[in-house]
């Protein structure tokens, strides 16, 4: 799996129990072999984009707080594509 999508999948795993959309996206990342984050984002519905938009802000902020610049940068790549 492409590194950026790996970070995204790991972030989604934090929300599986509380959010059905996150669980669906997690499973999609597991099953599909997306070549890159752009391909994944093009496959999203409006509802999925809204949910990702919400959690990505939290996950990027958390990565920055933990001084994990690589993770923050990789997640930000996905976040920017949502718009």
C-alpha atoms as a PDB file:
ATOM      1  CA  UNK A   1       0.000   0.000   0.000  1.00  0.00           C
ATOM      2  CA  UNK A   2       1.182   3.467  -0.830  1.00  0.00           C
ATOM      3  CA  UNK A   3       2.616   5.235   2.270  1.00  0.00           C
ATOM      4  CA  UNK A   4       0.164   8.145   2.318  1.00  0.00           C
ATOM      5  CA  UNK A   5      -2.794   5.768   2.136  1.00  0.00           C
ATOM      6  CA  UNK A   6      -1.223   3.687   4.892  1.00  0.00           C
ATOM      7  CA  UNK A   7      -1.207   6.700   7.182  1.00  0.00           C
ATOM      8  CA  UNK A   8      -4.799   7.429   6.211  1.00  0.00           C
ATOM      9  CA  UNK A   9      -5.861   3.861   6.946  1.00  0.00           C
ATOM     10  CA  UNK A  10      -4.163   4.027  10.328  1.00  0.00           C
ATOM     11  CA  UNK A  11      -5.958   7.306  11.090  1.00  0.00           C
ATOM     12  CA  UNK A  12      -9.300   5.824  10.083  1.00  0.00           C
ATOM     13  CA  UNK A  13      -8.722   2.929  12.459  1.00  0.00           C
ATOM     14  CA  UNK A  14      -9.128   5.399  15.342  1.00  0.00           C
ATOM     15  CA  UNK A  15     -12.763   5.991  14.350  1.00  0.00           C
ATOM     16  CA  UNK A  16     -14.001   2.539  13.309  1.00  0.00           C
ATOM     17  CA  UNK A  17     -16.226   1.901  16.299  1.00  0.00           C
ATOM     18  CA  UNK A  18     -17.863   5.304  16.324  1.00  0.00           C
ATOM     19  CA  UNK A  19     -18.273   6.044  12.637  1.00  0.00           C
ATOM     20  CA  UNK A  20     -19.753   3.772   9.975  1.00  0.00           C
ATOM     21  CA  UNK A  21     -18.315   5.857   7.129  1.00  0.00           C
ATOM     22  CA  UNK A  22     -14.800   5.512   8.534  1.00  0.00           C
ATOM     23  CA  UNK A  23     -15.260   1.769   8.774  1.00  0.00           C
ATOM     24  CA  UNK A  24     -16.426   1.638   5.153  1.00  0.00           C
ATOM     25  CA  UNK A  25     -13.428   3.720   4.007  1.00  0.00           C
ATOM     26  CA  UNK A  26     -11.039   1.578   6.023  1.00  0.00           C
ATOM     27  CA  UNK A  27     -12.408  -1.562   4.379  1.00  0.00           C
ATOM     28  CA  UNK A  28     -12.183   0.049   0.945  1.00  0.00           C
ATOM     29  CA  UNK A  29      -8.516   0.840   1.519  1.00  0.00           C
ATOM     30  CA  UNK A  30      -7.948  -2.757   2.595  1.00  0.00           C
ATOM     31  CA  UNK A  31      -9.683  -4.276  -0.431  1.00  0.00           C
ATOM     32  CA  UNK A  32      -8.712  -1.933  -3.248  1.00  0.00           C
ATOM     33  CA  UNK A  33      -5.220  -1.429  -4.474  1.00  0.00           C
ATOM     34  CA  UNK A  34      -5.245   2.326  -5.004  1.00  0.00           C
ATOM     35  CA  UNK A  35      -2.107   3.551  -6.740  1.00  0.00           C
ATOM     36  CA  UNK A  36      -2.123   6.876  -4.912  1.00  0.00           C
ATOM     37  CA  UNK A  37      -4.199   9.194  -2.776  1.00  0.00           C
ATOM     38  CA  UNK A  38      -5.622  10.989  -5.815  1.00  0.00           C
ATOM     39  CA  UNK A  39      -7.157   7.777  -7.094  1.00  0.00           C
ATOM     40  CA  UNK A  40      -8.661   7.120  -3.674  1.00  0.00           C
ATOM     41  CA  UNK A  41     -10.111  10.628  -3.305  1.00  0.00           C
ATOM     42  CA  UNK A  42     -11.725  10.447  -6.763  1.00  0.00           C
ATOM     43  CA  UNK A  43     -13.588   7.354  -5.532  1.00  0.00           C
ATOM     44  CA  UNK A  44     -15.213   9.178  -2.576  1.00  0.00           C
ATOM     45  CA  UNK A  45     -18.815  10.261  -2.177  1.00  0.00           C
ATOM     46  CA  UNK A  46     -19.726  13.712  -0.856  1.00  0.00           C
ATOM     47  CA  UNK A  47     -20.613  12.195   2.533  1.00  0.00           C
ATOM     48  CA  UNK A  48     -17.248  10.427   2.723  1.00  0.00           C
ATOM     49  CA  UNK A  49     -15.429  13.642   1.848  1.00  0.00           C
ATOM     50  CA  UNK A  50     -17.254  15.489   4.628  1.00  0.00           C
ATOM     51  CA  UNK A  51     -16.358  12.831   7.190  1.00  0.00           C
ATOM     52  CA  UNK A  52     -12.725  12.740   6.083  1.00  0.00           C
ATOM     53  CA  UNK A  53     -12.563  16.518   6.158  1.00  0.00           C
ATOM     54  CA  UNK A  54     -13.668  16.429   9.769  1.00  0.00           C
ATOM     55  CA  UNK A  55     -11.264  13.771  11.000  1.00  0.00           C
ATOM     56  CA  UNK A  56      -8.265  14.816   8.909  1.00  0.00           C
ATOM     57  CA  UNK A  57      -8.027  18.157  10.713  1.00  0.00           C
ATOM     58  CA  UNK A  58      -7.859  16.328  14.042  1.00  0.00           C
ATOM     59  CA  UNK A  59      -5.353  13.760  12.810  1.00  0.00           C
ATOM     60  CA  UNK A  60      -3.032  16.348  11.257  1.00  0.00           C
ATOM     61  CA  UNK A  61      -3.136  18.459  14.423  1.00  0.00           C
ATOM     62  CA  UNK A  62      -2.364  15.395  16.522  1.00  0.00           C
ATOM     63  CA  UNK A  63       0.600  14.479  14.300  1.00  0.00           C
ATOM     64  CA  UNK A  64       1.936  18.030  14.644  1.00  0.00           C
ATOM     65  CA  UNK A  65       1.549  17.923  18.439  1.00  0.00           C
ATOM     66  CA  UNK A  66       3.511  14.683  18.474  1.00  0.00           C
ATOM     67  CA  UNK A  67       6.121  16.321  16.208  1.00  0.00           C
ATOM     68  CA  UNK A  68       5.562  13.634  13.585  1.00  0.00           C
ATOM     69  CA  UNK A  69       6.178  15.887  10.612  1.00  0.00           C
ATOM     70  CA  UNK A  70       6.225  13.068   8.074  1.00  0.00           C
ATOM     71  CA  UNK A  71       2.807  11.797   9.165  1.00  0.00           C
ATOM     72  CA  UNK A  72       1.371  15.335   9.211  1.00  0.00           C
ATOM     73  CA  UNK A  73       2.742  15.969   5.716  1.00  0.00           C
ATOM     74  CA  UNK A  74       1.384  12.688   4.326  1.00  0.00           C
ATOM     75  CA  UNK A  75      -2.080  13.234   5.828  1.00  0.00           C
ATOM     76  CA  UNK A  76      -2.082  16.812   4.595  1.00  0.00           C
ATOM     77  CA  UNK A  77      -1.617  15.500   1.033  1.00  0.00           C
ATOM     78  CA  UNK A  78      -4.944  13.678   1.311  1.00  0.00           C
ATOM     79  CA  UNK A  79      -6.611  16.595   3.078  1.00  0.00           C
ATOM     80  CA  UNK A  80      -5.672  19.019   0.285  1.00  0.00           C
ATOM     81  CA  UNK A  81      -7.180  16.716  -2.336  1.00  0.00           C
ATOM     82  CA  UNK A  82     -10.564  16.771  -0.618  1.00  0.00           C
ATOM     83  CA  UNK A  83     -11.237  20.288  -1.886  1.00  0.00           C
END
